[in-house]
């Protein structure tokens, strides 16, 4: 018979958002199954890496919608010049 490995994790008292989320998860599945799925996603990189140009466009649109930046829009396309360094900074946010 195959023996199961067990790991223990702890949460800080300030991790109330994580605890609440896990309580909601436990209504649908086991915490073990949930964690195994997260590890598999991480292991096999199943989370898509966003296209940096799409990310930049979303950030700029969000800034514009908050009136935090003034942009000239032409036929629903952003006409903004940003450097590779600025793109790199934005990509580190994701």
PDB file of N, CA and C in Angstrom:
ATOM      1  N   UNK A   1       0.840  -1.182   0.000  1.00  0.00           N
ATOM      2  CA  UNK A   1       0.000   0.000   0.000  1.00  0.00           C
ATOM      3  C   UNK A   1       0.894   1.257   0.000  1.00  0.00           C
ATOM      4  N   UNK A   2       0.521   2.228  -0.787  1.00  0.00           N
ATOM      5  CA  UNK A   2       1.271   3.474  -0.884  1.00  0.00           C
ATOM      6  C   UNK A   2       0.951   4.364   0.308  1.00  0.00           C
ATOM      7  N   UNK A   3       1.993   4.863   0.940  1.00  0.00           N
ATOM      8  CA  UNK A   3       1.804   5.742   2.084  1.00  0.00           C
ATOM      9  C   UNK A   3       1.704   7.184   1.609  1.00  0.00           C
ATOM     10  N   UNK A   4       0.764   7.914   2.139  1.00  0.00           N
ATOM     11  CA  UNK A   4       0.593   9.322   1.797  1.00  0.00           C
ATOM     12  C   UNK A   4       1.579  10.173   2.571  1.00  0.00           C
ATOM     13  N   UNK A   5       2.098  11.171   1.895  1.00  0.00           N
ATOM     14  CA  UNK A   5       2.948  12.155   2.566  1.00  0.00           C
ATOM     15  C   UNK A   5       2.059  13.254   3.121  1.00  0.00           C
ATOM     16  N   UNK A   6       2.433  13.789   4.247  1.00  0.00           N
ATOM     17  CA  UNK A   6       1.650  14.861   4.857  1.00  0.00           C
ATOM     18  C   UNK A   6       2.540  16.071   5.106  1.00  0.00           C
ATOM     19  N   UNK A   7       1.968  17.231   4.845  1.00  0.00           N
ATOM     20  CA  UNK A   7       2.639  18.498   5.102  1.00  0.00           C
ATOM     21  C   UNK A   7       1.693  19.363   5.927  1.00  0.00           C
ATOM     22  N   UNK A   8       2.260  20.220   6.730  1.00  0.00           N
ATOM     23  CA  UNK A   8       1.458  21.119   7.554  1.00  0.00           C
ATOM     24  C   UNK A   8       1.767  22.548   7.142  1.00  0.00           C
ATOM     25  N   UNK A   9       0.722  23.348   7.026  1.00  0.00           N
ATOM     26  CA  UNK A   9       0.921  24.770   6.757  1.00  0.00           C
ATOM     27  C   UNK A   9       0.268  25.557   7.884  1.00  0.00           C
ATOM     28  N   UNK A  10       0.756  26.738   8.105  1.00  0.00           N
ATOM     29  CA  UNK A  10       0.212  27.599   9.156  1.00  0.00           C
ATOM     30  C   UNK A  10      -0.182  28.935   8.550  1.00  0.00           C
ATOM     31  N   UNK A  11      -1.156  29.562   9.181  1.00  0.00           N
ATOM     32  CA  UNK A  11      -1.593  30.883   8.760  1.00  0.00           C
ATOM     33  C   UNK A  11      -1.405  31.852   9.907  1.00  0.00           C
ATOM     34  N   UNK A  12      -1.001  33.042   9.556  1.00  0.00           N
ATOM     35  CA  UNK A  12      -0.863  34.099  10.551  1.00  0.00           C
ATOM     36  C   UNK A  12      -2.245  34.629  10.912  1.00  0.00           C
ATOM     37  N   UNK A  13      -2.394  35.191  12.083  1.00  0.00           N
ATOM     38  CA  UNK A  13      -3.694  35.768  12.451  1.00  0.00           C
ATOM     39  C   UNK A  13      -4.151  36.861  11.476  1.00  0.00           C
ATOM     40  N   UNK A  14      -3.201  37.483  10.803  1.00  0.00           N
ATOM     41  CA  UNK A  14      -3.553  38.544   9.847  1.00  0.00           C
ATOM     42  C   UNK A  14      -3.981  37.999   8.484  1.00  0.00           C
ATOM     43  N   UNK A  15      -3.900  36.687   8.300  1.00  0.00           N
ATOM     44  CA  UNK A  15      -4.265  36.070   7.020  1.00  0.00           C
ATOM     45  C   UNK A  15      -5.757  35.775   6.930  1.00  0.00           C
ATOM     46  N   UNK A  16      -6.564  36.668   7.421  1.00  0.00           N
ATOM     47  CA  UNK A  16      -8.006  36.413   7.461  1.00  0.00           C
ATOM     48  C   UNK A  16      -8.604  36.215   6.074  1.00  0.00           C
ATOM     49  N   UNK A  17      -8.065  36.909   5.073  1.00  0.00           N
ATOM     50  CA  UNK A  17      -8.578  36.734   3.706  1.00  0.00           C
ATOM     51  C   UNK A  17      -8.293  35.327   3.196  1.00  0.00           C
ATOM     52  N   UNK A  18      -7.117  34.807   3.508  1.00  0.00           N
ATOM     53  CA  UNK A  18      -6.767  33.447   3.083  1.00  0.00           C
ATOM     54  C   UNK A  18      -7.617  32.413   3.813  1.00  0.00           C
ATOM     55  N   UNK A  19      -7.801  32.628   5.094  1.00  0.00           N
ATOM     56  CA  UNK A  19      -8.600  31.702   5.895  1.00  0.00           C
ATOM     57  C   UNK A  19     -10.038  31.676   5.391  1.00  0.00           C
ATOM     58  N   UNK A  20     -10.579  32.832   5.118  1.00  0.00           N
ATOM     59  CA  UNK A  20     -11.957  32.908   4.598  1.00  0.00           C
ATOM     60  C   UNK A  20     -12.054  32.197   3.251  1.00  0.00           C
ATOM     61  N   UNK A  21     -11.071  32.429   2.400  1.00  0.00           N
ATOM     62  CA  UNK A  21     -11.076  31.783   1.081  1.00  0.00           C
ATOM     63  C   UNK A  21     -11.017  30.261   1.228  1.00  0.00           C
ATOM     64  N   UNK A  22     -10.156  29.769   2.088  1.00  0.00           N
ATOM     65  CA  UNK A  22     -10.066  28.324   2.300  1.00  0.00           C
ATOM     66  C   UNK A  22     -11.351  27.756   2.878  1.00  0.00           C
ATOM     67  N   UNK A  23     -12.003  28.497   3.752  1.00  0.00           N
ATOM     68  CA  UNK A  23     -13.291  28.039   4.278  1.00  0.00           C
ATOM     69  C   UNK A  23     -14.318  27.895   3.158  1.00  0.00           C
ATOM     70  N   UNK A  24     -14.282  28.808   2.208  1.00  0.00           N
ATOM     71  CA  UNK A  24     -15.189  28.718   1.056  1.00  0.00           C
ATOM     72  C   UNK A  24     -14.811  27.539   0.157  1.00  0.00           C
ATOM     73  N   UNK A  25     -13.522  27.313  -0.018  1.00  0.00           N
ATOM     74  CA  UNK A  25     -13.041  26.185  -0.823  1.00  0.00           C
ATOM     75  C   UNK A  25     -13.500  24.874  -0.207  1.00  0.00           C
ATOM     76  N   UNK A  26     -13.428  24.785   1.114  1.00  0.00           N
ATOM     77  CA  UNK A  26     -13.789  23.543   1.804  1.00  0.00           C
ATOM     78  C   UNK A  26     -15.253  23.165   1.606  1.00  0.00           C
ATOM     79  N   UNK A  27     -16.088  24.111   1.199  1.00  0.00           N
ATOM     80  CA  UNK A  27     -17.482  23.803   0.913  1.00  0.00           C
ATOM     81  C   UNK A  27     -17.619  23.025  -0.397  1.00  0.00           C
ATOM     82  N   UNK A  28     -16.612  23.116  -1.270  1.00  0.00           N
ATOM     83  CA  UNK A  28     -16.676  22.498  -2.588  1.00  0.00           C
ATOM     84  C   UNK A  28     -15.738  21.307  -2.745  1.00  0.00           C
ATOM     85  N   UNK A  29     -14.600  21.345  -2.089  1.00  0.00           N
ATOM     86  CA  UNK A  29     -13.590  20.306  -2.245  1.00  0.00           C
ATOM     87  C   UNK A  29     -12.741  20.244  -0.974  1.00  0.00           C
ATOM     88  N   UNK A  30     -11.781  19.361  -0.967  1.00  0.00           N
ATOM     89  CA  UNK A  30     -10.881  19.308   0.191  1.00  0.00           C
ATOM     90  C   UNK A  30      -9.740  20.295  -0.014  1.00  0.00           C
ATOM     91  N   UNK A  31      -9.177  20.746   1.072  1.00  0.00           N
ATOM     92  CA  UNK A  31      -8.032  21.650   1.002  1.00  0.00           C
ATOM     93  C   UNK A  31      -6.866  20.937   0.324  1.00  0.00           C
ATOM     94  N   UNK A  32      -6.699  19.662   0.608  1.00  0.00           N
ATOM     95  CA  UNK A  32      -5.606  18.902  -0.013  1.00  0.00           C
ATOM     96  C   UNK A  32      -5.733  18.888  -1.529  1.00  0.00           C
ATOM     97  N   UNK A  33      -6.928  18.638  -2.025  1.00  0.00           N
ATOM     98  CA  UNK A  33      -7.127  18.611  -3.477  1.00  0.00           C
ATOM     99  C   UNK A  33      -6.884  19.996  -4.074  1.00  0.00           C
ATOM    100  N   UNK A  34      -7.350  21.008  -3.383  1.00  0.00           N
ATOM    101  CA  UNK A  34      -7.160  22.378  -3.841  1.00  0.00           C
ATOM    102  C   UNK A  34      -5.667  22.719  -3.937  1.00  0.00           C
ATOM    103  N   UNK A  35      -4.910  22.391  -2.902  1.00  0.00           N
ATOM    104  CA  UNK A  35      -3.480  22.684  -2.881  1.00  0.00           C
ATOM    105  C   UNK A  35      -2.750  21.874  -3.946  1.00  0.00           C
ATOM    106  N   UNK A  36      -3.106  20.604  -4.116  1.00  0.00           N
ATOM    107  CA  UNK A  36      -2.472  19.793  -5.159  1.00  0.00           C
ATOM    108  C   UNK A  36      -2.702  20.405  -6.542  1.00  0.00           C
ATOM    109  N   UNK A  37      -3.911  20.893  -6.782  1.00  0.00           N
ATOM    110  CA  UNK A  37      -4.200  21.532  -8.074  1.00  0.00           C
ATOM    111  C   UNK A  37      -3.390  22.805  -8.266  1.00  0.00           C
ATOM    112  N   UNK A  38      -3.242  23.602  -7.203  1.00  0.00           N
ATOM    113  CA  UNK A  38      -2.422  24.811  -7.294  1.00  0.00           C
ATOM    114  C   UNK A  38      -0.971  24.464  -7.588  1.00  0.00           C
ATOM    115  N   UNK A  39      -0.466  23.432  -6.928  1.00  0.00           N
ATOM    116  CA  UNK A  39       0.924  23.024  -7.152  1.00  0.00           C
ATOM    117  C   UNK A  39       1.106  22.534  -8.582  1.00  0.00           C
ATOM    118  N   UNK A  40       0.159  21.772  -9.093  1.00  0.00           N
ATOM    119  CA  UNK A  40       0.250  21.298 -10.488  1.00  0.00           C
ATOM    120  C   UNK A  40       0.235  22.473 -11.470  1.00  0.00           C
ATOM    121  N   UNK A  41      -0.631  23.440 -11.233  1.00  0.00           N
ATOM    122  CA  UNK A  41      -0.673  24.620 -12.102  1.00  0.00           C
ATOM    123  C   UNK A  41       0.673  25.330 -12.100  1.00  0.00           C
ATOM    124  N   UNK A  42       1.265  25.456 -10.924  1.00  0.00           N
ATOM    125  CA  UNK A  42       2.565  26.102 -10.806  1.00  0.00           C
ATOM    126  C   UNK A  42       3.649  25.255 -11.461  1.00  0.00           C
ATOM    127  N   UNK A  43       3.601  23.968 -11.223  1.00  0.00           N
ATOM    128  CA  UNK A  43       4.604  23.050 -11.755  1.00  0.00           C
ATOM    129  C   UNK A  43       4.591  23.016 -13.277  1.00  0.00           C
ATOM    130  N   UNK A  44       3.413  22.959 -13.847  1.00  0.00           N
ATOM    131  CA  UNK A  44       3.296  22.855 -15.298  1.00  0.00           C
ATOM    132  C   UNK A  44       3.027  24.198 -15.960  1.00  0.00           C
ATOM    133  N   UNK A  45       3.137  25.269 -15.177  1.00  0.00           N
ATOM    134  CA  UNK A  45       2.971  26.632 -15.682  1.00  0.00           C
ATOM    135  C   UNK A  45       1.687  26.779 -16.473  1.00  0.00           C
ATOM    136  N   UNK A  46       0.585  26.341 -15.886  1.00  0.00           N
ATOM    137  CA  UNK A  46      -0.704  26.402 -16.565  1.00  0.00           C
ATOM    138  C   UNK A  46      -1.343  27.784 -16.496  1.00  0.00           C
ATOM    139  N   UNK A  47      -0.726  28.680 -15.772  1.00  0.00           N
ATOM    140  CA  UNK A  47      -1.243  30.043 -15.764  1.00  0.00           C
ATOM    141  C   UNK A  47      -0.557  30.798 -16.911  1.00  0.00           C
ATOM    142  N   UNK A  48      -1.349  31.426 -17.701  1.00  0.00           N
ATOM    143  CA  UNK A  48      -0.826  32.092 -18.893  1.00  0.00           C
ATOM    144  C   UNK A  48      -0.044  33.342 -18.503  1.00  0.00           C
ATOM    145  N   UNK A  49       1.091  33.512 -19.121  1.00  0.00           N
ATOM    146  CA  UNK A  49       1.860  34.729 -18.946  1.00  0.00           C
ATOM    147  C   UNK A  49       1.261  35.780 -19.873  1.00  0.00           C
ATOM    148  N   UNK A  50       0.830  36.891 -19.320  1.00  0.00           N
ATOM    149  CA  UNK A  50       0.168  37.886 -20.163  1.00  0.00           C
ATOM    150  C   UNK A  50       1.132  38.538 -21.155  1.00  0.00           C
ATOM    151  N   UNK A  51       0.605  38.895 -22.285  1.00  0.00           N
ATOM    152  CA  UNK A  51       1.353  39.632 -23.294  1.00  0.00           C
ATOM    153  C   UNK A  51       1.605  41.033 -22.741  1.00  0.00           C
ATOM    154  N   UNK A  52       2.855  41.456 -22.694  1.00  0.00           N
ATOM    155  CA  UNK A  52       3.202  42.732 -22.068  1.00  0.00           C
ATOM    156  C   UNK A  52       2.496  43.904 -22.737  1.00  0.00           C
ATOM    157  N   UNK A  53       2.323  43.850 -24.052  1.00  0.00           N
ATOM    158  CA  UNK A  53       1.618  44.946 -24.736  1.00  0.00           C
ATOM    159  C   UNK A  53       0.163  45.023 -24.285  1.00  0.00           C
ATOM    160  N   UNK A  54      -0.473  43.871 -24.078  1.00  0.00           N
ATOM    161  CA  UNK A  54      -1.847  43.853 -23.584  1.00  0.00           C
ATOM    162  C   UNK A  54      -1.925  44.393 -22.162  1.00  0.00           C
ATOM    163  N   UNK A  55      -0.934  44.039 -21.360  1.00  0.00           N
ATOM    164  CA  UNK A  55      -0.897  44.506 -19.977  1.00  0.00           C
ATOM    165  C   UNK A  55      -0.725  46.019 -19.939  1.00  0.00           C
ATOM    166  N   UNK A  56       0.190  46.527 -20.737  1.00  0.00           N
ATOM    167  CA  UNK A  56       0.423  47.980 -20.791  1.00  0.00           C
ATOM    168  C   UNK A  56      -0.854  48.686 -21.213  1.00  0.00           C
ATOM    169  N   UNK A  57      -1.521  48.157 -22.217  1.00  0.00           N
ATOM    170  CA  UNK A  57      -2.757  48.780 -22.699  1.00  0.00           C
ATOM    171  C   UNK A  57      -3.821  48.780 -21.605  1.00  0.00           C
ATOM    172  N   UNK A  58      -3.951  47.671 -20.890  1.00  0.00           N
ATOM    173  CA  UNK A  58      -4.945  47.605 -19.806  1.00  0.00           C
ATOM    174  C   UNK A  58      -4.616  48.604 -18.700  1.00  0.00           C
ATOM    175  N   UNK A  59      -3.334  48.710 -18.353  1.00  0.00           N
ATOM    176  CA  UNK A  59      -2.929  49.652 -17.307  1.00  0.00           C
ATOM    177  C   UNK A  59      -3.249  51.077 -17.747  1.00  0.00           C
ATOM    178  N   UNK A  60      -2.914  51.409 -18.973  1.00  0.00           N
ATOM    179  CA  UNK A  60      -3.172  52.767 -19.463  1.00  0.00           C
ATOM    180  C   UNK A  60      -4.665  53.062 -19.543  1.00  0.00           C
ATOM    181  N   UNK A  61      -5.447  52.092 -19.983  1.00  0.00           N
ATOM    182  CA  UNK A  61      -6.900  52.286 -20.028  1.00  0.00           C
ATOM    183  C   UNK A  61      -7.475  52.474 -18.627  1.00  0.00           C
ATOM    184  N   UNK A  62      -6.952  51.718 -17.679  1.00  0.00           N
ATOM    185  CA  UNK A  62      -7.412  51.858 -16.292  1.00  0.00           C
ATOM    186  C   UNK A  62      -7.057  53.235 -15.749  1.00  0.00           C
ATOM    187  N   UNK A  63      -5.849  53.688 -16.018  1.00  0.00           N
ATOM    188  CA  UNK A  63      -5.446  55.026 -15.584  1.00  0.00           C
ATOM    189  C   UNK A  63      -6.338  56.089 -16.206  1.00  0.00           C
ATOM    190  N   UNK A  64      -6.627  55.918 -17.485  1.00  0.00           N
ATOM    191  CA  UNK A  64      -7.481  56.888 -18.168  1.00  0.00           C
ATOM    192  C   UNK A  64      -8.893  56.883 -17.583  1.00  0.00           C
ATOM    193  N   UNK A  65      -9.412  55.704 -17.289  1.00  0.00           N
ATOM    194  CA  UNK A  65     -10.771  55.622 -16.749  1.00  0.00           C
ATOM    195  C   UNK A  65     -10.855  56.251 -15.361  1.00  0.00           C
ATOM    196  N   UNK A  66      -9.742  56.300 -14.652  1.00  0.00           N
ATOM    197  CA  UNK A  66      -9.696  56.942 -13.335  1.00  0.00           C
ATOM    198  C   UNK A  66      -9.315  58.414 -13.430  1.00  0.00           C
ATOM    199  N   UNK A  67      -9.174  58.904 -14.651  1.00  0.00           N
ATOM    200  CA  UNK A  67      -8.753  60.288 -14.893  1.00  0.00           C
ATOM    201  C   UNK A  67      -7.397  60.591 -14.277  1.00  0.00           C
ATOM    202  N   UNK A  68      -6.542  59.573 -14.210  1.00  0.00           N
ATOM    203  CA  UNK A  68      -5.204  59.764 -13.668  1.00  0.00           C
ATOM    204  C   UNK A  68      -4.181  60.095 -14.744  1.00  0.00           C
ATOM    205  N   UNK A  69      -4.598  60.003 -15.998  1.00  0.00           N
ATOM    206  CA  UNK A  69      -3.676  60.254 -17.107  1.00  0.00           C
ATOM    207  C   UNK A  69      -4.500  60.755 -18.291  1.00  0.00           C
ATOM    208  N   UNK A  70      -3.894  61.571 -19.082  1.00  0.00           N
ATOM    209  CA  UNK A  70      -4.566  62.085 -20.262  1.00  0.00           C
ATOM    210  C   UNK A  70      -3.980  61.410 -21.494  1.00  0.00           C
ATOM    211  N   UNK A  71      -4.843  60.760 -22.274  1.00  0.00           N
ATOM    212  CA  UNK A  71      -4.390  60.034 -23.459  1.00  0.00           C
ATOM    213  C   UNK A  71      -5.184  60.467 -24.680  1.00  0.00           C
ATOM    214  N   UNK A  72      -4.516  60.453 -25.813  1.00  0.00           N
ATOM    215  CA  UNK A  72      -5.209  60.699 -27.070  1.00  0.00           C
ATOM    216  C   UNK A  72      -5.604  59.357 -27.672  1.00  0.00           C
ATOM    217  N   UNK A  73      -6.901  59.159 -27.860  1.00  0.00           N
ATOM    218  CA  UNK A  73      -7.376  57.913 -28.445  1.00  0.00           C
ATOM    219  C   UNK A  73      -7.773  58.157 -29.883  1.00  0.00           C
ATOM    220  N   UNK A  74      -7.383  57.229 -30.733  1.00  0.00           N
ATOM    221  CA  UNK A  74      -7.730  57.335 -32.134  1.00  0.00           C
ATOM    222  C   UNK A  74      -8.227  55.972 -32.578  1.00  0.00           C
ATOM    223  N   UNK A  75      -9.467  55.901 -32.973  1.00  0.00           N
ATOM    224  CA  UNK A  75     -10.111  54.647 -33.379  1.00  0.00           C
ATOM    225  C   UNK A  75      -9.871  53.536 -32.355  1.00  0.00           C
ATOM    226  N   UNK A  76     -10.134  53.865 -31.099  1.00  0.00           N
ATOM    227  CA  UNK A  76     -10.037  52.930 -29.970  1.00  0.00           C
ATOM    228  C   UNK A  76      -8.646  52.345 -29.754  1.00  0.00           C
ATOM    229  N   UNK A  77      -7.627  52.941 -30.318  1.00  0.00           N
ATOM    230  CA  UNK A  77      -6.261  52.484 -30.074  1.00  0.00           C
ATOM    231  C   UNK A  77      -5.519  53.536 -29.273  1.00  0.00           C
ATOM    232  N   UNK A  78      -4.742  53.062 -28.344  1.00  0.00           N
ATOM    233  CA  UNK A  78      -3.927  53.985 -27.563  1.00  0.00           C
ATOM    234  C   UNK A  78      -2.726  54.406 -28.384  1.00  0.00           C
ATOM    235  N   UNK A  79      -2.480  55.688 -28.443  1.00  0.00           N
ATOM    236  CA  UNK A  79      -1.308  56.207 -29.136  1.00  0.00           C
ATOM    237  C   UNK A  79      -0.362  56.760 -28.087  1.00  0.00           C
ATOM    238  N   UNK A  80       0.299  55.856 -27.396  1.00  0.00           N
ATOM    239  CA  UNK A  80       1.197  56.238 -26.317  1.00  0.00           C
ATOM    240  C   UNK A  80       2.533  55.564 -26.568  1.00  0.00           C
ATOM    241  N   UNK A  81       3.579  56.324 -26.443  1.00  0.00           N
ATOM    242  CA  UNK A  81       4.923  55.783 -26.586  1.00  0.00           C
ATOM    243  C   UNK A  81       5.485  55.544 -25.197  1.00  0.00           C
ATOM    244  N   UNK A  82       5.840  54.289 -24.930  1.00  0.00           N
ATOM    245  CA  UNK A  82       6.510  54.003 -23.670  1.00  0.00           C
ATOM    246  C   UNK A  82       7.767  53.212 -23.975  1.00  0.00           C
ATOM    247  N   UNK A  83       8.726  53.371 -23.114  1.00  0.00           N
ATOM    248  CA  UNK A  83      10.019  52.726 -23.333  1.00  0.00           C
ATOM    249  C   UNK A  83       9.967  51.263 -22.904  1.00  0.00           C
ATOM    250  N   UNK A  84      10.971  50.516 -23.298  1.00  0.00           N
ATOM    251  CA  UNK A  84      11.089  49.121 -22.874  1.00  0.00           C
ATOM    252  C   UNK A  84      11.250  49.045 -21.364  1.00  0.00           C
ATOM    253  N   UNK A  85      11.948  50.019 -20.793  1.00  0.00           N
ATOM    254  CA  UNK A  85      12.120  50.052 -19.340  1.00  0.00           C
ATOM    255  C   UNK A  85      10.776  50.236 -18.643  1.00  0.00           C
ATOM    256  N   UNK A  86       9.928  51.104 -19.176  1.00  0.00           N
ATOM    257  CA  UNK A  86       8.606  51.310 -18.602  1.00  0.00           C
ATOM    258  C   UNK A  86       7.761  50.040 -18.731  1.00  0.00           C
ATOM    259  N   UNK A  87       7.866  49.363 -19.882  1.00  0.00           N
ATOM    260  CA  UNK A  87       7.157  48.099 -20.052  1.00  0.00           C
ATOM    261  C   UNK A  87       7.617  47.078 -19.030  1.00  0.00           C
ATOM    262  N   UNK A  88       8.910  47.040 -18.803  1.00  0.00           N
ATOM    263  CA  UNK A  88       9.482  46.104 -17.842  1.00  0.00           C
ATOM    264  C   UNK A  88       8.952  46.380 -16.440  1.00  0.00           C
ATOM    265  N   UNK A  89       8.869  47.647 -16.086  1.00  0.00           N
ATOM    266  CA  UNK A  89       8.351  48.025 -14.763  1.00  0.00           C
ATOM    267  C   UNK A  89       6.903  47.580 -14.627  1.00  0.00           C
ATOM    268  N   UNK A  90       6.106  47.804 -15.649  1.00  0.00           N
ATOM    269  CA  UNK A  90       4.694  47.399 -15.612  1.00  0.00           C
ATOM    270  C   UNK A  90       4.596  45.868 -15.511  1.00  0.00           C
ATOM    271  N   UNK A  91       5.418  45.156 -16.250  1.00  0.00           N
ATOM    272  CA  UNK A  91       5.320  43.694 -16.235  1.00  0.00           C
ATOM    273  C   UNK A  91       5.678  43.110 -14.869  1.00  0.00           C
ATOM    274  N   UNK A  92       6.524  43.807 -14.098  1.00  0.00           N
ATOM    275  CA  UNK A  92       6.856  43.297 -12.766  1.00  0.00           C
ATOM    276  C   UNK A  92       5.658  43.350 -11.833  1.00  0.00           C
ATOM    277  N   UNK A  93       4.644  44.129 -12.183  1.00  0.00           N
ATOM    278  CA  UNK A  93       3.446  44.204 -11.362  1.00  0.00           C
ATOM    279  C   UNK A  93       2.578  42.961 -11.509  1.00  0.00           C
ATOM    280  N   UNK A  94       2.827  42.194 -12.557  1.00  0.00           N
ATOM    281  CA  UNK A  94       2.011  41.026 -12.822  1.00  0.00           C
ATOM    282  C   UNK A  94       2.838  39.814 -12.662  1.00  0.00           C
TER     283      UNK A  94
END
